[in-house]
Amino acid sequence: MIRILLAVIFVAALAVPFFNRMGPALFGFPFFYWYQLAVVPVSSALIYLVYRADDKGEAE
């Protein structure tokens, strides 16, 4: 069930029409760029959570 988070990552990274725009800007970066930069650490954290949850499930 927790593996659904992997689908969320997939959709968030590949839903280009959602983040293909210029505003709002953050520190001078258009939304398109800072969204992609934000997806990387969030994806890493979610993948880690799924890995840890799945690892605990197999150990029991």
PDB file of N, CA and C in Angstrom:
ATOM      1  N   MET A   1       0.819  -1.195   0.000  1.00  0.00           N
ATOM      2  CA  MET A   1       0.000   0.000   0.000  1.00  0.00           C
ATOM      3  C   MET A   1       0.869   1.268   0.000  1.00  0.00           C
ATOM      4  N   ILE A   2       1.979   1.216   0.710  1.00  0.00           N
ATOM      5  CA  ILE A   2       2.859   2.384   0.792  1.00  0.00           C
ATOM      6  C   ILE A   2       3.543   2.649  -0.547  1.00  0.00           C
ATOM      7  N   ARG A   3       3.598   1.653  -1.389  1.00  0.00           N
ATOM      8  CA  ARG A   3       4.256   1.818  -2.692  1.00  0.00           C
ATOM      9  C   ARG A   3       3.501   2.768  -3.620  1.00  0.00           C
ATOM     10  N   ILE A   4       2.300   3.141  -3.256  1.00  0.00           N
ATOM     11  CA  ILE A   4       1.546   4.119  -4.041  1.00  0.00           C
ATOM     12  C   ILE A   4       2.284   5.456  -4.066  1.00  0.00           C
ATOM     13  N   LEU A   5       3.081   5.723  -3.023  1.00  0.00           N
ATOM     14  CA  LEU A   5       3.869   6.957  -3.000  1.00  0.00           C
ATOM     15  C   LEU A   5       4.829   7.025  -4.183  1.00  0.00           C
ATOM     16  N   LEU A   6       5.278   5.878  -4.661  1.00  0.00           N
ATOM     17  CA  LEU A   6       6.152   5.871  -5.837  1.00  0.00           C
ATOM     18  C   LEU A   6       5.410   6.368  -7.076  1.00  0.00           C
ATOM     19  N   ALA A   7       4.127   6.067  -7.164  1.00  0.00           N
ATOM     20  CA  ALA A   7       3.319   6.575  -8.275  1.00  0.00           C
ATOM     21  C   ALA A   7       3.140   8.082  -8.163  1.00  0.00           C
ATOM     22  N   VAL A   8       3.037   8.586  -6.939  1.00  0.00           N
ATOM     23  CA  VAL A   8       2.922  10.031  -6.734  1.00  0.00           C
ATOM     24  C   VAL A   8       4.174  10.728  -7.240  1.00  0.00           C
ATOM     25  N   ILE A   9       5.322  10.168  -6.947  1.00  0.00           N
ATOM     26  CA  ILE A   9       6.590  10.731  -7.429  1.00  0.00           C
ATOM     27  C   ILE A   9       6.618  10.736  -8.951  1.00  0.00           C
ATOM     28  N   PHE A  10       6.217   9.638  -9.536  1.00  0.00           N
ATOM     29  CA  PHE A  10       6.206   9.492 -10.987  1.00  0.00           C
ATOM     30  C   PHE A  10       5.326  10.555 -11.635  1.00  0.00           C
ATOM     31  N   VAL A  11       4.136  10.731 -11.110  1.00  0.00           N
ATOM     32  CA  VAL A  11       3.203  11.716 -11.659  1.00  0.00           C
ATOM     33  C   VAL A  11       3.723  13.132 -11.432  1.00  0.00           C
ATOM     34  N   ALA A  12       4.268  13.398 -10.245  1.00  0.00           N
ATOM     35  CA  ALA A  12       4.753  14.744  -9.934  1.00  0.00           C
ATOM     36  C   ALA A  12       5.912  15.152 -10.842  1.00  0.00           C
ATOM     37  N   ALA A  13       6.754  14.201 -11.197  1.00  0.00           N
ATOM     38  CA  ALA A  13       7.912  14.516 -12.032  1.00  0.00           C
ATOM     39  C   ALA A  13       7.553  14.600 -13.512  1.00  0.00           C
ATOM     40  N   LEU A  14       6.535  13.875 -13.940  1.00  0.00           N
ATOM     41  CA  LEU A  14       6.237  13.803 -15.367  1.00  0.00           C
ATOM     42  C   LEU A  14       4.969  14.546 -15.785  1.00  0.00           C
ATOM     43  N   ALA A  15       4.315  15.228 -14.890  1.00  0.00           N
ATOM     44  CA  ALA A  15       3.111  15.994 -15.219  1.00  0.00           C
ATOM     45  C   ALA A  15       3.523  17.386 -15.692  1.00  0.00           C
ATOM     46  N   VAL A  16       4.192  17.434 -16.817  1.00  0.00           N
ATOM     47  CA  VAL A  16       4.768  18.680 -17.332  1.00  0.00           C
ATOM     48  C   VAL A  16       3.725  19.778 -17.536  1.00  0.00           C
ATOM     49  N   PRO A  17       2.533  19.508 -18.031  1.00  0.00           N
ATOM     50  CA  PRO A  17       1.570  20.609 -18.181  1.00  0.00           C
ATOM     51  C   PRO A  17       1.236  21.304 -16.866  1.00  0.00           C
ATOM     52  N   PHE A  18       1.391  20.612 -15.745  1.00  0.00           N
ATOM     53  CA  PHE A  18       1.120  21.216 -14.449  1.00  0.00           C
ATOM     54  C   PHE A  18       2.152  22.278 -14.088  1.00  0.00           C
ATOM     55  N   PHE A  19       3.420  22.036 -14.362  1.00  0.00           N
ATOM     56  CA  PHE A  19       4.459  22.974 -13.936  1.00  0.00           C
ATOM     57  C   PHE A  19       5.145  23.692 -15.092  1.00  0.00           C
ATOM     58  N   ASN A  20       4.597  23.645 -16.275  1.00  0.00           N
ATOM     59  CA  ASN A  20       5.177  24.321 -17.435  1.00  0.00           C
ATOM     60  C   ASN A  20       4.669  25.761 -17.500  1.00  0.00           C
ATOM     61  N   ARG A  21       5.197  26.593 -16.601  1.00  0.00           N
ATOM     62  CA  ARG A  21       4.818  28.015 -16.569  1.00  0.00           C
ATOM     63  C   ARG A  21       5.959  28.812 -15.952  1.00  0.00           C
ATOM     64  N   MET A  22       5.887  30.101 -16.082  1.00  0.00           N
ATOM     65  CA  MET A  22       6.962  30.970 -15.606  1.00  0.00           C
ATOM     66  C   MET A  22       6.764  31.404 -14.152  1.00  0.00           C
ATOM     67  N   GLY A  23       5.549  31.698 -13.749  1.00  0.00           N
ATOM     68  CA  GLY A  23       5.343  32.229 -12.406  1.00  0.00           C
ATOM     69  C   GLY A  23       4.713  31.206 -11.499  1.00  0.00           C
ATOM     70  N   PRO A  24       4.885  31.310 -10.240  1.00  0.00           N
ATOM     71  CA  PRO A  24       5.620  32.316  -9.486  1.00  0.00           C
ATOM     72  C   PRO A  24       7.115  32.014  -9.457  1.00  0.00           C
ATOM     73  N   ALA A  25       7.886  33.053  -9.452  1.00  0.00           N
ATOM     74  CA  ALA A  25       9.339  32.902  -9.415  1.00  0.00           C
ATOM     75  C   ALA A  25       9.803  32.814  -7.965  1.00  0.00           C
ATOM     76  N   LEU A  26      10.893  32.098  -7.770  1.00  0.00           N
ATOM     77  CA  LEU A  26      11.484  31.951  -6.443  1.00  0.00           C
ATOM     78  C   LEU A  26      12.972  32.210  -6.564  1.00  0.00           C
ATOM     79  N   PHE A  27      13.468  33.258  -5.914  1.00  0.00           N
ATOM     80  CA  PHE A  27      14.875  33.667  -5.999  1.00  0.00           C
ATOM     81  C   PHE A  27      15.303  33.908  -7.447  1.00  0.00           C
ATOM     82  N   GLY A  28      14.395  34.366  -8.275  1.00  0.00           N
ATOM     83  CA  GLY A  28      14.692  34.665  -9.661  1.00  0.00           C
ATOM     84  C   GLY A  28      14.542  33.482 -10.602  1.00  0.00           C
ATOM     85  N   PHE A  29      14.282  32.290 -10.060  1.00  0.00           N
ATOM     86  CA  PHE A  29      14.095  31.106 -10.900  1.00  0.00           C
ATOM     87  C   PHE A  29      12.622  30.982 -11.263  1.00  0.00           C
ATOM     88  N   PRO A  30      12.307  30.721 -12.533  1.00  0.00           N
ATOM     89  CA  PRO A  30      10.910  30.483 -12.904  1.00  0.00           C
ATOM     90  C   PRO A  30      10.379  29.214 -12.229  1.00  0.00           C
ATOM     91  N   PHE A  31       9.079  29.128 -12.114  1.00  0.00           N
ATOM     92  CA  PHE A  31       8.438  27.987 -11.459  1.00  0.00           C
ATOM     93  C   PHE A  31       8.891  26.664 -12.053  1.00  0.00           C
ATOM     94  N   PHE A  32       9.039  26.612 -13.366  1.00  0.00           N
ATOM     95  CA  PHE A  32       9.429  25.375 -14.045  1.00  0.00           C
ATOM     96  C   PHE A  32      10.720  24.808 -13.470  1.00  0.00           C
ATOM     97  N   TYR A  33      11.707  25.668 -13.248  1.00  0.00           N
ATOM     98  CA  TYR A  33      13.004  25.196 -12.775  1.00  0.00           C
ATOM     99  C   TYR A  33      13.002  24.877 -11.286  1.00  0.00           C
ATOM    100  N   TRP A  34      12.430  25.757 -10.449  1.00  0.00           N
ATOM    101  CA  TRP A  34      12.497  25.462  -9.026  1.00  0.00           C
ATOM    102  C   TRP A  34      11.584  24.317  -8.637  1.00  0.00           C
ATOM    103  N   TYR A  35      10.540  24.059  -9.407  1.00  0.00           N
ATOM    104  CA  TYR A  35       9.701  22.888  -9.140  1.00  0.00           C
ATOM    105  C   TYR A  35      10.497  21.611  -9.389  1.00  0.00           C
ATOM    106  N   GLN A  36      11.221  21.567 -10.506  1.00  0.00           N
ATOM    107  CA  GLN A  36      12.036  20.387 -10.801  1.00  0.00           C
ATOM    108  C   GLN A  36      13.137  20.198  -9.764  1.00  0.00           C
ATOM    109  N   LEU A  37      13.725  21.298  -9.319  1.00  0.00           N
ATOM    110  CA  LEU A  37      14.754  21.200  -8.291  1.00  0.00           C
ATOM    111  C   LEU A  37      14.165  20.751  -6.955  1.00  0.00           C
ATOM    112  N   ALA A  38      12.940  21.105  -6.668  1.00  0.00           N
ATOM    113  CA  ALA A  38      12.300  20.692  -5.423  1.00  0.00           C
ATOM    114  C   ALA A  38      11.844  19.237  -5.468  1.00  0.00           C
ATOM    115  N   VAL A  39      11.516  18.738  -6.652  1.00  0.00           N
ATOM    116  CA  VAL A  39      11.042  17.364  -6.781  1.00  0.00           C
ATOM    117  C   VAL A  39      12.147  16.365  -6.438  1.00  0.00           C
ATOM    118  N   VAL A  40      13.383  16.690  -6.712  1.00  0.00           N
ATOM    119  CA  VAL A  40      14.486  15.750  -6.484  1.00  0.00           C
ATOM    120  C   VAL A  40      14.631  15.374  -5.009  1.00  0.00           C
ATOM    121  N   PRO A  41      14.788  16.318  -4.063  1.00  0.00           N
ATOM    122  CA  PRO A  41      14.914  15.892  -2.665  1.00  0.00           C
ATOM    123  C   PRO A  41      13.624  15.298  -2.085  1.00  0.00           C
ATOM    124  N   VAL A  42      12.475  15.806  -2.533  1.00  0.00           N
ATOM    125  CA  VAL A  42      11.210  15.243  -2.059  1.00  0.00           C
ATOM    126  C   VAL A  42      11.067  13.797  -2.540  1.00  0.00           C
ATOM    127  N   SER A  43      11.437  13.545  -3.783  1.00  0.00           N
ATOM    128  CA  SER A  43      11.390  12.188  -4.316  1.00  0.00           C
ATOM    129  C   SER A  43      12.342  11.273  -3.565  1.00  0.00           C
ATOM    130  N   SER A  44      13.522  11.768  -3.282  1.00  0.00           N
ATOM    131  CA  SER A  44      14.490  10.966  -2.531  1.00  0.00           C
ATOM    132  C   SER A  44      13.956  10.600  -1.154  1.00  0.00           C
ATOM    133  N   ALA A  45      13.342  11.551  -0.483  1.00  0.00           N
ATOM    134  CA  ALA A  45      12.785  11.284   0.843  1.00  0.00           C
ATOM    135  C   ALA A  45      11.640  10.270   0.768  1.00  0.00           C
ATOM    136  N   LEU A  46      10.774  10.397  -0.224  1.00  0.00           N
ATOM    137  CA  LEU A  46       9.665   9.453  -0.355  1.00  0.00           C
ATOM    138  C   LEU A  46      10.153   8.055  -0.718  1.00  0.00           C
ATOM    139  N   ILE A  47      11.142   7.965  -1.588  1.00  0.00           N
ATOM    140  CA  ILE A  47      11.703   6.662  -1.939  1.00  0.00           C
ATOM    141  C   ILE A  47      12.332   6.014  -0.710  1.00  0.00           C
ATOM    142  N   TYR A  48      13.022   6.808   0.109  1.00  0.00           N
ATOM    143  CA  TYR A  48      13.610   6.292   1.336  1.00  0.00           C
ATOM    144  C   TYR A  48      12.527   5.790   2.288  1.00  0.00           C
ATOM    145  N   LEU A  49      11.434   6.551   2.442  1.00  0.00           N
ATOM    146  CA  LEU A  49      10.349   6.121   3.314  1.00  0.00           C
ATOM    147  C   LEU A  49       9.715   4.818   2.834  1.00  0.00           C
ATOM    148  N   VAL A  50       9.513   4.701   1.537  1.00  0.00           N
ATOM    149  CA  VAL A  50       8.948   3.469   0.984  1.00  0.00           C
ATOM    150  C   VAL A  50       9.907   2.306   1.201  1.00  0.00           C
ATOM    151  N   TYR A  51      11.186   2.540   1.010  1.00  0.00           N
ATOM    152  CA  TYR A  51      12.188   1.491   1.216  1.00  0.00           C
ATOM    153  C   TYR A  51      12.194   1.020   2.668  1.00  0.00           C
ATOM    154  N   ARG A  52      12.194   1.981   3.616  1.00  0.00           N
ATOM    155  CA  ARG A  52      12.230   1.614   5.035  1.00  0.00           C
ATOM    156  C   ARG A  52      10.949   0.898   5.443  1.00  0.00           C
ATOM    157  N   ALA A  53       9.812   1.345   4.963  1.00  0.00           N
ATOM    158  CA  ALA A  53       8.541   0.709   5.308  1.00  0.00           C
ATOM    159  C   ALA A  53       8.458  -0.684   4.718  1.00  0.00           C
ATOM    160  N   ASP A  54       8.926  -0.851   3.488  1.00  0.00           N
ATOM    161  CA  ASP A  54       8.894  -2.152   2.845  1.00  0.00           C
ATOM    162  C   ASP A  54       9.893  -3.101   3.495  1.00  0.00           C
ATOM    163  N   ASP A  55      11.039  -2.581   3.908  1.00  0.00           N
ATOM    164  CA  ASP A  55      12.060  -3.397   4.566  1.00  0.00           C
ATOM    165  C   ASP A  55      11.555  -3.904   5.908  1.00  0.00           C
ATOM    166  N   LYS A  56      10.845  -3.083   6.657  1.00  0.00           N
ATOM    167  CA  LYS A  56      10.293  -3.509   7.942  1.00  0.00           C
ATOM    168  C   LYS A  56       9.193  -4.549   7.743  1.00  0.00           C
ATOM    169  N   GLY A  57       8.453  -4.420   6.678  1.00  0.00           N
ATOM    170  CA  GLY A  57       7.391  -5.385   6.400  1.00  0.00           C
ATOM    171  C   GLY A  57       7.922  -6.768   6.093  1.00  0.00           C
ATOM    172  N   GLU A  58       9.066  -6.867   5.448  1.00  0.00           N
ATOM    173  CA  GLU A  58       9.647  -8.174   5.116  1.00  0.00           C
ATOM    174  C   GLU A  58      10.352  -8.801   6.310  1.00  0.00           C
ATOM    175  N   ALA A  59      10.840  -7.984   7.240  1.00  0.00           N
ATOM    176  CA  ALA A  59      11.566  -8.506   8.392  1.00  0.00           C
ATOM    177  C   ALA A  59      10.644  -9.197   9.384  1.00  0.00           C
ATOM    178  N   GLU A  60       9.387  -8.809   9.404  1.00  0.00           N
ATOM    179  CA  GLU A  60       8.453  -9.387  10.387  1.00  0.00           C
ATOM    180  C   GLU A  60       7.908 -10.697   9.963  1.00  0.00           C
TER     181      GLU A  60
END
